[in-house]
Each structure stands twice: as structure tokens, then as C-alpha cells.
């Protein structure tokens, strides 16, 4: 005896996408983001999902920390191909190791976008 299940019992990709991503953009960005207000953490990342084993190729993690004068500052940590880059890379791009204005995040994202086009061993940023 053969069983036939109606297709309405199965979850469609369209339904799953509408639940998980209710407001798709017209031009999807390569960058994804996670904001955790309780942990005071923001993460921007690019996922290489077409690889045999999906992996995060580029990532910026922003945490709230106290500086030496006990003021809260937002500190970005940059990862490229699984390796954490030193604070000097962030300072070279922003002129500081901390975020001072919202545009600093955009500058970091743009510099990581061009990092893949630069020499692999130099990890130069524009």
C-alpha cells in the first residue's frame, strides 16, 4: 500500500523564509547582522554558504567595554577568514580602536569588502 501525503502538510521554503526573514530587501546585502541587546553585542558577518562546509569568511564583532577612564565605549573586533586581526588594523581604518560615530561601522564593512581583493599575505585595507 502506498501512502500519499498532501503537500500542504509540508513546510515550504517560501513559508520558512517569510517566518525567518519577514522583510526581505530588494537588493540583498552580503552582510548579515545580529544584535543582542541583553549581551550588548552586535555582529556583522558574511557567510560563505556555497562552500562544502559553510564558514564565516568576514566578521566584525562590536562589544561595549569600559576604557581606562571608566567610560563605556564600543570596541570592534575584526575577523578575516577565521583569524582575528589586531587592533592596529582597526586603528589604521578609523584612526582609533573604538567606534566614535555610526559611519565608522560602514567604513569597517567597506574595508573588509575590499580586503578580499587585496593581496592575501598583506591584508591591506583601503
PDB file of N, CA and C in Angstrom:
ATOM      1  N   UNK A   1       0.848  -1.172   0.000  1.00  0.00           N
ATOM      2  CA  UNK A   1       0.000   0.000   0.000  1.00  0.00           C
ATOM      3  C   UNK A   1       0.899   1.243   0.000  1.00  0.00           C
ATOM      4  N   UNK A   2       0.564   2.177  -0.844  1.00  0.00           N
ATOM      5  CA  UNK A   2       1.346   3.392  -0.985  1.00  0.00           C
ATOM      6  C   UNK A   2       0.646   4.536  -0.271  1.00  0.00           C
ATOM      7  N   UNK A   3       1.434   5.300   0.499  1.00  0.00           N
ATOM      8  CA  UNK A   3       0.866   6.444   1.211  1.00  0.00           C
ATOM      9  C   UNK A   3       1.192   7.726   0.472  1.00  0.00           C
ATOM     10  N   UNK A   4       0.219   8.560   0.328  1.00  0.00           N
ATOM     11  CA  UNK A   4       0.415   9.871  -0.287  1.00  0.00           C
ATOM     12  C   UNK A   4       0.108  10.929   0.757  1.00  0.00           C
ATOM     13  N   UNK A   5       1.067  11.802   0.957  1.00  0.00           N
ATOM     14  CA  UNK A   5       0.857  12.886   1.908  1.00  0.00           C
ATOM     15  C   UNK A   5       0.561  14.160   1.133  1.00  0.00           C
ATOM     16  N   UNK A   6      -0.430  14.871   1.526  1.00  0.00           N
ATOM     17  CA  UNK A   6      -0.715  16.128   0.833  1.00  0.00           C
ATOM     18  C   UNK A   6       0.425  17.118   1.058  1.00  0.00           C
ATOM     19  N   UNK A   7       0.710  17.886   0.031  1.00  0.00           N
ATOM     20  CA  UNK A   7       1.821  18.826   0.125  1.00  0.00           C
ATOM     21  C   UNK A   7       1.552  19.943   1.117  1.00  0.00           C
ATOM     22  N   UNK A   8       0.299  20.172   1.466  1.00  0.00           N
ATOM     23  CA  UNK A   8       0.010  21.249   2.414  1.00  0.00           C
ATOM     24  C   UNK A   8       0.524  20.933   3.816  1.00  0.00           C
ATOM     25  N   UNK A   9       0.858  19.663   4.096  1.00  0.00           N
ATOM     26  CA  UNK A   9       1.395  19.287   5.401  1.00  0.00           C
ATOM     27  C   UNK A   9       2.883  19.600   5.527  1.00  0.00           C
ATOM     28  N   UNK A  10       3.535  19.911   4.417  1.00  0.00           N
ATOM     29  CA  UNK A  10       4.963  20.179   4.438  1.00  0.00           C
ATOM     30  C   UNK A  10       5.211  21.676   4.469  1.00  0.00           C
ATOM     31  N   UNK A  11       6.260  22.025   5.133  1.00  0.00           N
ATOM     32  CA  UNK A  11       6.661  23.427   5.196  1.00  0.00           C
ATOM     33  C   UNK A  11       7.367  23.795   3.902  1.00  0.00           C
ATOM     34  N   UNK A  12       6.911  24.839   3.250  1.00  0.00           N
ATOM     35  CA  UNK A  12       7.552  25.287   2.019  1.00  0.00           C
ATOM     36  C   UNK A  12       8.688  26.247   2.363  1.00  0.00           C
ATOM     37  N   UNK A  13       9.612  26.365   1.429  1.00  0.00           N
ATOM     38  CA  UNK A  13      10.718  27.299   1.624  1.00  0.00           C
ATOM     39  C   UNK A  13      10.196  28.728   1.731  1.00  0.00           C
ATOM     40  N   UNK A  14       9.204  29.062   0.933  1.00  0.00           N
ATOM     41  CA  UNK A  14       8.637  30.407   0.961  1.00  0.00           C
ATOM     42  C   UNK A  14       8.057  30.730   2.335  1.00  0.00           C
ATOM     43  N   UNK A  15       7.363  29.769   2.936  1.00  0.00           N
ATOM     44  CA  UNK A  15       6.790  29.975   4.266  1.00  0.00           C
ATOM     45  C   UNK A  15       7.896  30.123   5.308  1.00  0.00           C
ATOM     46  N   UNK A  16       8.896  29.257   5.234  1.00  0.00           N
ATOM     47  CA  UNK A  16      10.018  29.337   6.164  1.00  0.00           C
ATOM     48  C   UNK A  16      10.724  30.681   6.039  1.00  0.00           C
ATOM     49  N   UNK A  17      10.958  31.124   4.809  1.00  0.00           N
ATOM     50  CA  UNK A  17      11.621  32.403   4.583  1.00  0.00           C
ATOM     51  C   UNK A  17      10.783  33.560   5.104  1.00  0.00           C
ATOM     52  N   UNK A  18       9.462  33.487   4.942  1.00  0.00           N
ATOM     53  CA  UNK A  18       8.609  34.577   5.422  1.00  0.00           C
ATOM     54  C   UNK A  18       8.580  34.643   6.947  1.00  0.00           C
ATOM     55  N   UNK A  19       8.775  33.504   7.613  1.00  0.00           N
ATOM     56  CA  UNK A  19       8.811  33.494   9.079  1.00  0.00           C
ATOM     57  C   UNK A  19      10.168  33.967   9.594  1.00  0.00           C
ATOM     58  N   UNK A  20      11.244  33.459   8.994  1.00  0.00           N
ATOM     59  CA  UNK A  20      12.584  33.786   9.472  1.00  0.00           C
ATOM     60  C   UNK A  20      13.066  35.147   9.001  1.00  0.00           C
ATOM     61  N   UNK A  21      12.636  35.580   7.837  1.00  0.00           N
ATOM     62  CA  UNK A  21      13.063  36.860   7.276  1.00  0.00           C
ATOM     63  C   UNK A  21      11.841  37.580   6.730  1.00  0.00           C
ATOM     64  N   UNK A  22      11.023  38.169   7.632  1.00  0.00           N
ATOM     65  CA  UNK A  22       9.747  38.734   7.205  1.00  0.00           C
ATOM     66  C   UNK A  22       9.855  39.946   6.286  1.00  0.00           C
ATOM     67  N   UNK A  23      10.991  40.617   6.270  1.00  0.00           N
ATOM     68  CA  UNK A  23      11.105  41.808   5.425  1.00  0.00           C
ATOM     69  C   UNK A  23      12.337  41.700   4.535  1.00  0.00           C
ATOM     70  N   UNK A  24      12.266  40.893   3.481  1.00  0.00           N
ATOM     71  CA  UNK A  24      13.421  40.773   2.592  1.00  0.00           C
ATOM     72  C   UNK A  24      13.668  42.085   1.861  1.00  0.00           C
ATOM     73  N   UNK A  25      14.934  42.404   1.660  1.00  0.00           N
ATOM     74  CA  UNK A  25      15.276  43.632   0.952  1.00  0.00           C
ATOM     75  C   UNK A  25      15.244  43.371  -0.545  1.00  0.00           C
ATOM     76  N   UNK A  26      15.080  44.441  -1.303  1.00  0.00           N
ATOM     77  CA  UNK A  26      15.021  44.282  -2.750  1.00  0.00           C
ATOM     78  C   UNK A  26      16.388  43.905  -3.318  1.00  0.00           C
ATOM     79  N   UNK A  27      17.454  44.410  -2.718  1.00  0.00           N
ATOM     80  CA  UNK A  27      18.806  44.045  -3.133  1.00  0.00           C
ATOM     81  C   UNK A  27      19.527  43.493  -1.911  1.00  0.00           C
ATOM     82  N   UNK A  28      19.556  42.180  -1.754  1.00  0.00           N
ATOM     83  CA  UNK A  28      20.129  41.612  -0.540  1.00  0.00           C
ATOM     84  C   UNK A  28      21.612  41.934  -0.394  1.00  0.00           C
ATOM     85  N   UNK A  29      22.003  42.272   0.801  1.00  0.00           N
ATOM     86  CA  UNK A  29      23.389  42.577   1.108  1.00  0.00           C
ATOM     87  C   UNK A  29      24.131  41.286   1.400  1.00  0.00           C
ATOM     88  N   UNK A  30      25.418  41.302   1.153  1.00  0.00           N
ATOM     89  CA  UNK A  30      26.231  40.151   1.521  1.00  0.00           C
ATOM     90  C   UNK A  30      26.431  40.090   3.030  1.00  0.00           C
ATOM     91  N   UNK A  31      26.263  41.225   3.696  1.00  0.00           N
ATOM     92  CA  UNK A  31      26.461  41.296   5.143  1.00  0.00           C
ATOM     93  C   UNK A  31      25.182  40.935   5.872  1.00  0.00           C
ATOM     94  N   UNK A  32      25.309  40.100   6.871  1.00  0.00           N
ATOM     95  CA  UNK A  32      24.210  39.763   7.780  1.00  0.00           C
ATOM     96  C   UNK A  32      24.546  40.364   9.131  1.00  0.00           C
ATOM     97  N   UNK A  33      23.555  40.453   9.998  1.00  0.00           N
ATOM     98  CA  UNK A  33      23.814  41.080  11.298  1.00  0.00           C
ATOM     99  C   UNK A  33      22.994  40.419  12.391  1.00  0.00           C
ATOM    100  N   UNK A  34      23.545  40.503  13.589  1.00  0.00           N
ATOM    101  CA  UNK A  34      22.878  40.014  14.788  1.00  0.00           C
ATOM    102  C   UNK A  34      23.055  41.086  15.852  1.00  0.00           C
ATOM    103  N   UNK A  35      21.950  41.506  16.473  1.00  0.00           N
ATOM    104  CA  UNK A  35      22.008  42.459  17.579  1.00  0.00           C
ATOM    105  C   UNK A  35      21.440  41.788  18.815  1.00  0.00           C
ATOM    106  N   UNK A  36      22.228  41.709  19.862  1.00  0.00           N
ATOM    107  CA  UNK A  36      21.791  41.123  21.123  1.00  0.00           C
ATOM    108  C   UNK A  36      21.806  42.235  22.164  1.00  0.00           C
ATOM    109  N   UNK A  37      20.630  42.790  22.449  1.00  0.00           N
ATOM    110  CA  UNK A  37      20.548  43.916  23.377  1.00  0.00           C
ATOM    111  C   UNK A  37      20.875  43.518  24.811  1.00  0.00           C
ATOM    112  N   UNK A  38      20.583  42.293  25.188  1.00  0.00           N
ATOM    113  CA  UNK A  38      20.897  41.855  26.551  1.00  0.00           C
ATOM    114  C   UNK A  38      22.395  41.684  26.749  1.00  0.00           C
ATOM    115  N   UNK A  39      23.064  41.123  25.781  1.00  0.00           N
ATOM    116  CA  UNK A  39      24.515  40.933  25.875  1.00  0.00           C
ATOM    117  C   UNK A  39      25.283  42.178  25.436  1.00  0.00           C
ATOM    118  N   UNK A  40      24.567  43.195  24.949  1.00  0.00           N
ATOM    119  CA  UNK A  40      25.152  44.425  24.412  1.00  0.00           C
ATOM    120  C   UNK A  40      26.240  44.051  23.396  1.00  0.00           C
ATOM    121  N   UNK A  41      25.790  43.378  22.349  1.00  0.00           N
ATOM    122  CA  UNK A  41      26.696  42.838  21.352  1.00  0.00           C
ATOM    123  C   UNK A  41      26.066  42.982  19.971  1.00  0.00           C
ATOM    124  N   UNK A  42      26.885  43.373  19.011  1.00  0.00           N
ATOM    125  CA  UNK A  42      26.449  43.421  17.614  1.00  0.00           C
ATOM    126  C   UNK A  42      27.475  42.662  16.783  1.00  0.00           C
ATOM    127  N   UNK A  43      26.996  41.884  15.834  1.00  0.00           N
ATOM    128  CA  UNK A  43      27.884  41.113  14.971  1.00  0.00           C
ATOM    129  C   UNK A  43      27.437  41.308  13.528  1.00  0.00           C
ATOM    130  N   UNK A  44      28.384  41.669  12.674  1.00  0.00           N
ATOM    131  CA  UNK A  44      28.166  41.735  11.235  1.00  0.00           C
ATOM    132  C   UNK A  44      29.035  40.644  10.627  1.00  0.00           C
ATOM    133  N   UNK A  45      28.483  39.856   9.709  1.00  0.00           N
ATOM    134  CA  UNK A  45      29.260  38.749   9.162  1.00  0.00           C
ATOM    135  C   UNK A  45      28.842  38.438   7.733  1.00  0.00           C
ATOM    136  N   UNK A  46      29.769  37.796   7.013  1.00  0.00           N
ATOM    137  CA  UNK A  46      29.491  37.241   5.696  1.00  0.00           C
ATOM    138  C   UNK A  46      29.719  35.746   5.786  1.00  0.00           C
ATOM    139  N   UNK A  47      28.752  34.995   5.345  1.00  0.00           N
ATOM    140  CA  UNK A  47      28.815  33.541   5.404  1.00  0.00           C
ATOM    141  C   UNK A  47      29.075  32.989   4.015  1.00  0.00           C
ATOM    142  N   UNK A  48      30.119  32.189   3.893  1.00  0.00           N
ATOM    143  CA  UNK A  48      30.411  31.514   2.634  1.00  0.00           C
ATOM    144  C   UNK A  48      29.615  30.216   2.625  1.00  0.00           C
ATOM    145  N   UNK A  49      28.327  30.310   2.265  1.00  0.00           N
ATOM    146  CA  UNK A  49      27.429  29.161   2.347  1.00  0.00           C
ATOM    147  C   UNK A  49      27.519  28.248   1.131  1.00  0.00           C
ATOM    148  N   UNK A  50      28.189  28.680   0.088  1.00  0.00           N
ATOM    149  CA  UNK A  50      28.314  27.839  -1.101  1.00  0.00           C
ATOM    150  C   UNK A  50      29.462  26.830  -0.974  1.00  0.00           C
ATOM    151  N   UNK A  51      30.306  27.007   0.034  1.00  0.00           N
ATOM    152  CA  UNK A  51      31.423  26.076   0.239  1.00  0.00           C
ATOM    153  C   UNK A  51      30.895  24.731   0.723  1.00  0.00           C
ATOM    154  N   UNK A  52      31.732  23.697   0.601  1.00  0.00           N
ATOM    155  CA  UNK A  52      31.325  22.370   1.076  1.00  0.00           C
ATOM    156  C   UNK A  52      30.951  22.409   2.551  1.00  0.00           C
ATOM    157  N   UNK A  53      31.756  23.112   3.330  1.00  0.00           N
ATOM    158  CA  UNK A  53      31.456  23.324   4.748  1.00  0.00           C
ATOM    159  C   UNK A  53      31.254  24.828   4.924  1.00  0.00           C
ATOM    160  N   UNK A  54      30.023  25.289   5.146  1.00  0.00           N
ATOM    161  CA  UNK A  54      29.789  26.727   5.296  1.00  0.00           C
ATOM    162  C   UNK A  54      30.648  27.309   6.419  1.00  0.00           C
ATOM    163  N   UNK A  55      31.193  28.504   6.163  1.00  0.00           N
ATOM    164  CA  UNK A  55      32.031  29.143   7.169  1.00  0.00           C
ATOM    165  C   UNK A  55      31.883  30.650   7.081  1.00  0.00           C
ATOM    166  N   UNK A  56      32.183  31.302   8.175  1.00  0.00           N
ATOM    167  CA  UNK A  56      32.154  32.759   8.220  1.00  0.00           C
ATOM    168  C   UNK A  56      33.471  33.256   7.638  1.00  0.00           C
ATOM    169  N   UNK A  57      33.387  34.011   6.549  1.00  0.00           N
ATOM    170  CA  UNK A  57      34.608  34.484   5.906  1.00  0.00           C
ATOM    171  C   UNK A  57      35.052  35.843   6.436  1.00  0.00           C
ATOM    172  N   UNK A  58      34.093  36.696   6.785  1.00  0.00           N
ATOM    173  CA  UNK A  58      34.407  38.034   7.298  1.00  0.00           C
ATOM    174  C   UNK A  58      33.453  38.340   8.439  1.00  0.00           C
ATOM    175  N   UNK A  59      33.981  38.967   9.489  1.00  0.00           N
ATOM    176  CA  UNK A  59      33.139  39.219  10.658  1.00  0.00           C
ATOM    177  C   UNK A  59      33.645  40.437  11.419  1.00  0.00           C
ATOM    178  N   UNK A  60      32.709  41.226  11.925  1.00  0.00           N
ATOM    179  CA  UNK A  60      33.017  42.328  12.836  1.00  0.00           C
ATOM    180  C   UNK A  60      32.129  42.151  14.057  1.00  0.00           C
ATOM    181  N   UNK A  61      32.754  42.018  15.216  1.00  0.00           N
ATOM    182  CA  UNK A  61      32.009  41.908  16.476  1.00  0.00           C
ATOM    183  C   UNK A  61      32.217  43.209  17.243  1.00  0.00           C
ATOM    184  N   UNK A  62      31.119  43.798  17.700  1.00  0.00           N
ATOM    185  CA  UNK A  62      31.180  45.067  18.429  1.00  0.00           C
ATOM    186  C   UNK A  62      30.670  44.830  19.842  1.00  0.00           C
ATOM    187  N   UNK A  63      31.537  45.125  20.817  1.00  0.00           N
ATOM    188  CA  UNK A  63      31.184  44.934  22.226  1.00  0.00           C
ATOM    189  C   UNK A  63      31.288  46.254  22.976  1.00  0.00           C
ATOM    190  N   UNK A  64      30.520  46.358  24.039  1.00  0.00           N
ATOM    191  CA  UNK A  64      30.565  47.521  24.918  1.00  0.00           C
ATOM    192  C   UNK A  64      31.552  47.211  26.039  1.00  0.00           C
ATOM    193  N   UNK A  65      32.576  48.061  26.184  1.00  0.00           N
ATOM    194  CA  UNK A  65      33.601  47.866  27.206  1.00  0.00           C
ATOM    195  C   UNK A  65      33.895  49.190  27.895  1.00  0.00           C
ATOM    196  N   UNK A  66      34.527  49.088  29.045  1.00  0.00           N
ATOM    197  CA  UNK A  66      34.986  50.300  29.739  1.00  0.00           C
ATOM    198  C   UNK A  66      36.432  50.566  29.340  1.00  0.00           C
ATOM    199  N   UNK A  67      36.721  51.845  29.082  1.00  0.00           N
ATOM    200  CA  UNK A  67      38.097  52.205  28.766  1.00  0.00           C
ATOM    201  C   UNK A  67      38.848  52.544  30.056  1.00  0.00           C
ATOM    202  N   UNK A  68      40.063  53.047  29.930  1.00  0.00           N
ATOM    203  CA  UNK A  68      40.890  53.318  31.111  1.00  0.00           C
ATOM    204  C   UNK A  68      40.311  54.406  32.005  1.00  0.00           C
ATOM    205  N   UNK A  69      39.494  55.296  31.450  1.00  0.00           N
ATOM    206  CA  UNK A  69      38.856  56.339  32.268  1.00  0.00           C
ATOM    207  C   UNK A  69      37.441  55.939  32.689  1.00  0.00           C
ATOM    208  N   UNK A  70      37.146  54.627  32.592  1.00  0.00           N
ATOM    209  CA  UNK A  70      35.883  54.029  33.034  1.00  0.00           C
ATOM    210  C   UNK A  70      34.657  54.498  32.254  1.00  0.00           C
ATOM    211  N   UNK A  71      34.868  55.002  31.054  1.00  0.00           N
ATOM    212  CA  UNK A  71      33.752  55.354  30.176  1.00  0.00           C
ATOM    213  C   UNK A  71      33.428  54.146  29.305  1.00  0.00           C
ATOM    214  N   UNK A  72      32.151  53.988  28.980  1.00  0.00           N
ATOM    215  CA  UNK A  72      31.761  52.906  28.079  1.00  0.00           C
ATOM    216  C   UNK A  72      32.054  53.308  26.642  1.00  0.00           C
ATOM    217  N   UNK A  73      32.696  52.413  25.924  1.00  0.00           N
ATOM    218  CA  UNK A  73      33.000  52.623  24.508  1.00  0.00           C
ATOM    219  C   UNK A  73      32.620  51.355  23.745  1.00  0.00           C
ATOM    220  N   UNK A  74      32.426  51.499  22.451  1.00  0.00           N
ATOM    221  CA  UNK A  74      32.137  50.351  21.587  1.00  0.00           C
ATOM    222  C   UNK A  74      33.421  49.942  20.874  1.00  0.00           C
ATOM    223  N   UNK A  75      33.820  48.700  21.095  1.00  0.00           N
ATOM    224  CA  UNK A  75      35.088  48.195  20.577  1.00  0.00           C
ATOM    225  C   UNK A  75      34.825  47.146  19.496  1.00  0.00           C
ATOM    226  N   UNK A  76      35.259  47.416  18.257  1.00  0.00           N
ATOM    227  CA  UNK A  76      35.091  46.414  17.199  1.00  0.00           C
ATOM    228  C   UNK A  76      36.270  45.440  17.162  1.00  0.00           C
ATOM    229  N   UNK A  77      35.962  44.185  16.918  1.00  0.00           N
ATOM    230  CA  UNK A  77      36.978  43.162  16.676  1.00  0.00           C
ATOM    231  C   UNK A  77      36.717  42.614  15.279  1.00  0.00           C
ATOM    232  N   UNK A  78      37.755  42.587  14.458  1.00  0.00           N
ATOM    233  CA  UNK A  78      37.611  42.206  13.059  1.00  0.00           C
ATOM    234  C   UNK A  78      38.233  40.828  12.828  1.00  0.00           C
ATOM    235  N   UNK A  79      37.495  39.980  12.121  1.00  0.00           N
ATOM    236  CA  UNK A  79      37.970  38.639  11.765  1.00  0.00           C
ATOM    237  C   UNK A  79      37.932  38.503  10.247  1.00  0.00           C
ATOM    238  N   UNK A  80      38.988  37.939   9.699  1.00  0.00           N
ATOM    239  CA  UNK A  80      39.062  37.700   8.263  1.00  0.00           C
ATOM    240  C   UNK A  80      39.510  36.262   8.049  1.00  0.00           C
ATOM    241  N   UNK A  81      38.663  35.460   7.424  1.00  0.00           N
ATOM    242  CA  UNK A  81      38.933  34.036   7.159  1.00  0.00           C
ATOM    243  C   UNK A  81      39.295  33.287   8.440  1.00  0.00           C
ATOM    244  N   UNK A  82      38.564  33.568   9.513  1.00  0.00           N
ATOM    245  CA  UNK A  82      38.741  32.843  10.766  1.00  0.00           C
ATOM    246  C   UNK A  82      39.848  33.347  11.661  1.00  0.00           C
ATOM    247  N   UNK A  83      40.575  34.376  11.243  1.00  0.00           N
ATOM    248  CA  UNK A  83      41.661  34.900  12.065  1.00  0.00           C
ATOM    249  C   UNK A  83      41.324  36.301  12.552  1.00  0.00           C
ATOM    250  N   UNK A  84      41.563  36.530  13.841  1.00  0.00           N
ATOM    251  CA  UNK A  84      41.329  37.852  14.414  1.00  0.00           C
ATOM    252  C   UNK A  84      42.454  38.779  13.981  1.00  0.00           C
ATOM    253  N   UNK A  85      42.080  39.945  13.471  1.00  0.00           N
ATOM    254  CA  UNK A  85      43.073  40.942  13.093  1.00  0.00           C
ATOM    255  C   UNK A  85      43.385  41.814  14.302  1.00  0.00           C
ATOM    256  N   UNK A  86      44.579  42.336  14.353  1.00  0.00           N
ATOM    257  CA  UNK A  86      44.995  43.136  15.503  1.00  0.00           C
ATOM    258  C   UNK A  86      44.261  44.479  15.528  1.00  0.00           C
ATOM    259  N   UNK A  87      44.292  45.120  16.686  1.00  0.00           N
ATOM    260  CA  UNK A  87      43.662  46.434  16.846  1.00  0.00           C
ATOM    261  C   UNK A  87      44.274  47.470  15.913  1.00  0.00           C
ATOM    262  N   UNK A  88      45.520  47.260  15.500  1.00  0.00           N
ATOM    263  CA  UNK A  88      46.171  48.230  14.621  1.00  0.00           C
ATOM    264  C   UNK A  88      45.470  48.319  13.267  1.00  0.00           C
ATOM    265  N   UNK A  89      44.848  47.235  12.815  1.00  0.00           N
ATOM    266  CA  UNK A  89      44.093  47.283  11.556  1.00  0.00           C
ATOM    267  C   UNK A  89      42.874  48.184  11.701  1.00  0.00           C
ATOM    268  N   UNK A  90      42.170  48.066  12.819  1.00  0.00           N
ATOM    269  CA  UNK A  90      41.005  48.922  13.070  1.00  0.00           C
ATOM    270  C   UNK A  90      41.461  50.369  13.206  1.00  0.00           C
ATOM    271  N   UNK A  91      42.548  50.593  13.945  1.00  0.00           N
ATOM    272  CA  UNK A  91      43.068  51.951  14.130  1.00  0.00           C
ATOM    273  C   UNK A  91      43.512  52.568  12.810  1.00  0.00           C
ATOM    274  N   UNK A  92      44.069  51.758  11.918  1.00  0.00           N
ATOM    275  CA  UNK A  92      44.504  52.272  10.616  1.00  0.00           C
ATOM    276  C   UNK A  92      43.318  52.745   9.783  1.00  0.00           C
ATOM    277  N   UNK A  93      42.186  52.097   9.945  1.00  0.00           N
ATOM    278  CA  UNK A  93      40.996  52.458   9.174  1.00  0.00           C
ATOM    279  C   UNK A  93      40.262  53.633   9.806  1.00  0.00           C
ATOM    280  N   UNK A  94      40.078  53.576  11.130  1.00  0.00           N
ATOM    281  CA  UNK A  94      39.243  54.559  11.823  1.00  0.00           C
ATOM    282  C   UNK A  94      40.028  55.670  12.502  1.00  0.00           C
ATOM    283  N   UNK A  95      41.327  55.475  12.690  1.00  0.00           N
ATOM    284  CA  UNK A  95      42.111  56.441  13.446  1.00  0.00           C
ATOM    285  C   UNK A  95      41.998  56.215  14.944  1.00  0.00           C
ATOM    286  N   UNK A  96      41.295  55.174  15.336  1.00  0.00           N
ATOM    287  CA  UNK A  96      41.080  54.840  16.743  1.00  0.00           C
ATOM    288  C   UNK A  96      40.668  53.374  16.823  1.00  0.00           C
ATOM    289  N   UNK A  97      40.881  52.762  17.986  1.00  0.00           N
ATOM    290  CA  UNK A  97      40.493  51.359  18.166  1.00  0.00           C
ATOM    291  C   UNK A  97      39.050  51.222  18.623  1.00  0.00           C
ATOM    292  N   UNK A  98      38.345  52.346  18.800  1.00  0.00           N
ATOM    293  CA  UNK A  98      36.943  52.324  19.237  1.00  0.00           C
ATOM    294  C   UNK A  98      36.079  53.054  18.212  1.00  0.00           C
ATOM    295  N   UNK A  99      34.781  52.767  18.249  1.00  0.00           N
ATOM    296  CA  UNK A  99      33.837  53.444  17.355  1.00  0.00           C
ATOM    297  C   UNK A  99      33.467  54.795  17.942  1.00  0.00           C
ATOM    298  N   UNK A 100      33.505  55.821  17.114  1.00  0.00           N
ATOM    299  CA  UNK A 100      33.153  57.171  17.575  1.00  0.00           C
ATOM    300  C   UNK A 100      31.838  57.665  16.980  1.00  0.00           C
ATOM    301  N   UNK A 101      31.464  57.128  15.821  1.00  0.00           N
ATOM    302  CA  UNK A 101      30.216  57.540  15.163  1.00  0.00           C
ATOM    303  C   UNK A 101      29.691  56.372  14.338  1.00  0.00           C
ATOM    304  N   UNK A 102      28.411  56.386  13.992  1.00  0.00           N
ATOM    305  CA  UNK A 102      27.826  55.267  13.237  1.00  0.00           C
ATOM    306  C   UNK A 102      28.516  55.002  11.896  1.00  0.00           C
ATOM    307  N   UNK A 103      29.043  56.026  11.270  1.00  0.00           N
ATOM    308  CA  UNK A 103      29.707  55.858   9.977  1.00  0.00           C
ATOM    309  C   UNK A 103      30.956  54.985  10.079  1.00  0.00           C
ATOM    310  N   UNK A 104      31.523  54.860  11.286  1.00  0.00           N
ATOM    311  CA  UNK A 104      32.703  54.015  11.471  1.00  0.00           C
ATOM    312  C   UNK A 104      32.399  52.557  11.138  1.00  0.00           C
ATOM    313  N   UNK A 105      31.191  52.115  11.453  1.00  0.00           N
ATOM    314  CA  UNK A 105      30.807  50.733  11.129  1.00  0.00           C
ATOM    315  C   UNK A 105      30.796  50.549   9.614  1.00  0.00           C
ATOM    316  N   UNK A 106      30.239  51.516   8.901  1.00  0.00           N
ATOM    317  CA  UNK A 106      30.208  51.457   7.437  1.00  0.00           C
ATOM    318  C   UNK A 106      31.619  51.407   6.870  1.00  0.00           C
ATOM    319  N   UNK A 107      32.514  52.208   7.420  1.00  0.00           N
ATOM    320  CA  UNK A 107      33.906  52.216   6.941  1.00  0.00           C
ATOM    321  C   UNK A 107      34.571  50.858   7.153  1.00  0.00           C
ATOM    322  N   UNK A 108      34.310  50.235   8.303  1.00  0.00           N
ATOM    323  CA  UNK A 108      34.876  48.909   8.560  1.00  0.00           C
ATOM    324  C   UNK A 108      34.322  47.869   7.588  1.00  0.00           C
ATOM    325  N   UNK A 109      33.006  47.907   7.363  1.00  0.00           N
ATOM    326  CA  UNK A 109      32.383  46.957   6.437  1.00  0.00           C
ATOM    327  C   UNK A 109      32.948  47.124   5.027  1.00  0.00           C
ATOM    328  N   UNK A 110      33.075  48.361   4.582  1.00  0.00           N
ATOM    329  CA  UNK A 110      33.606  48.620   3.241  1.00  0.00           C
ATOM    330  C   UNK A 110      35.057  48.177   3.123  1.00  0.00           C
ATOM    331  N   UNK A 111      35.842  48.387   4.177  1.00  0.00           N
ATOM    332  CA  UNK A 111      37.248  47.983   4.123  1.00  0.00           C
ATOM    333  C   UNK A 111      37.386  46.464   4.077  1.00  0.00           C
ATOM    334  N   UNK A 112      36.497  45.757   4.769  1.00  0.00           N
ATOM    335  CA  UNK A 112      36.532  44.292   4.704  1.00  0.00           C
ATOM    336  C   UNK A 112      36.066  43.787   3.347  1.00  0.00           C
ATOM    337  N   UNK A 113      35.142  44.494   2.715  1.00  0.00           N
ATOM    338  CA  UNK A 113      34.705  44.103   1.369  1.00  0.00           C
ATOM    339  C   UNK A 113      35.868  44.160   0.388  1.00  0.00           C
ATOM    340  N   UNK A 114      36.714  45.172   0.515  1.00  0.00           N
ATOM    341  CA  UNK A 114      37.861  45.299  -0.388  1.00  0.00           C
ATOM    342  C   UNK A 114      39.032  44.437   0.054  1.00  0.00           C
ATOM    343  N   UNK A 115      39.032  43.954   1.288  1.00  0.00           N
ATOM    344  CA  UNK A 115      40.150  43.140   1.786  1.00  0.00           C
ATOM    345  C   UNK A 115      40.286  41.849   1.007  1.00  0.00           C
ATOM    346  N   UNK A 116      39.190  41.285   0.555  1.00  0.00           N
ATOM    347  CA  UNK A 116      39.251  40.049  -0.216  1.00  0.00           C
ATOM    348  C   UNK A 116      39.908  40.239  -1.564  1.00  0.00           C
ATOM    349  N   UNK A 117      39.913  41.474  -2.061  1.00  0.00           N
ATOM    350  CA  UNK A 117      40.509  41.755  -3.357  1.00  0.00           C
ATOM    351  C   UNK A 117      41.990  42.088  -3.241  1.00  0.00           C
ATOM    352  N   UNK A 118      42.451  42.363  -2.029  1.00  0.00           N
ATOM    353  CA  UNK A 118      43.848  42.725  -1.817  1.00  0.00           C
ATOM    354  C   UNK A 118      44.708  41.473  -1.749  1.00  0.00           C
ATOM    355  N   UNK A 119      45.992  41.678  -1.604  1.00  0.00           N
ATOM    356  CA  UNK A 119      46.912  40.552  -1.507  1.00  0.00           C
ATOM    357  C   UNK A 119      46.595  39.740  -0.264  1.00  0.00           C
ATOM    358  N   UNK A 120      46.627  38.431  -0.401  1.00  0.00           N
ATOM    359  CA  UNK A 120      46.300  37.539   0.710  1.00  0.00           C
ATOM    360  C   UNK A 120      47.275  37.703   1.865  1.00  0.00           C
ATOM    361  N   UNK A 121      48.563  37.841   1.573  1.00  0.00           N
ATOM    362  CA  UNK A 121      49.535  37.892   2.661  1.00  0.00           C
ATOM    363  C   UNK A 121      49.631  39.270   3.297  1.00  0.00           C
ATOM    364  N   UNK A 122      49.252  40.315   2.587  1.00  0.00           N
ATOM    365  CA  UNK A 122      49.384  41.662   3.124  1.00  0.00           C
ATOM    366  C   UNK A 122      48.217  42.105   3.967  1.00  0.00           C
ATOM    367  N   UNK A 123      47.022  41.619   3.680  1.00  0.00           N
ATOM    368  CA  UNK A 123      45.797  42.031   4.360  1.00  0.00           C
ATOM    369  C   UNK A 123      45.684  43.546   4.427  1.00  0.00           C
ATOM    370  N   UNK A 124      45.915  44.192   3.295  1.00  0.00           N
ATOM    371  CA  UNK A 124      45.836  45.647   3.253  1.00  0.00           C
ATOM    372  C   UNK A 124      44.387  46.085   3.219  1.00  0.00           C
ATOM    373  N   UNK A 125      44.123  47.230   3.821  1.00  0.00           N
ATOM    374  CA  UNK A 125      42.783  47.801   3.819  1.00  0.00           C
ATOM    375  C   UNK A 125      42.820  49.148   3.133  1.00  0.00           C
ATOM    376  N   UNK A 126      41.735  49.496   2.477  1.00  0.00           N
ATOM    377  CA  UNK A 126      41.629  50.808   1.822  1.00  0.00           C
ATOM    378  C   UNK A 126      40.987  51.797   2.767  1.00  0.00           C
TER     379      UNK A 126
END
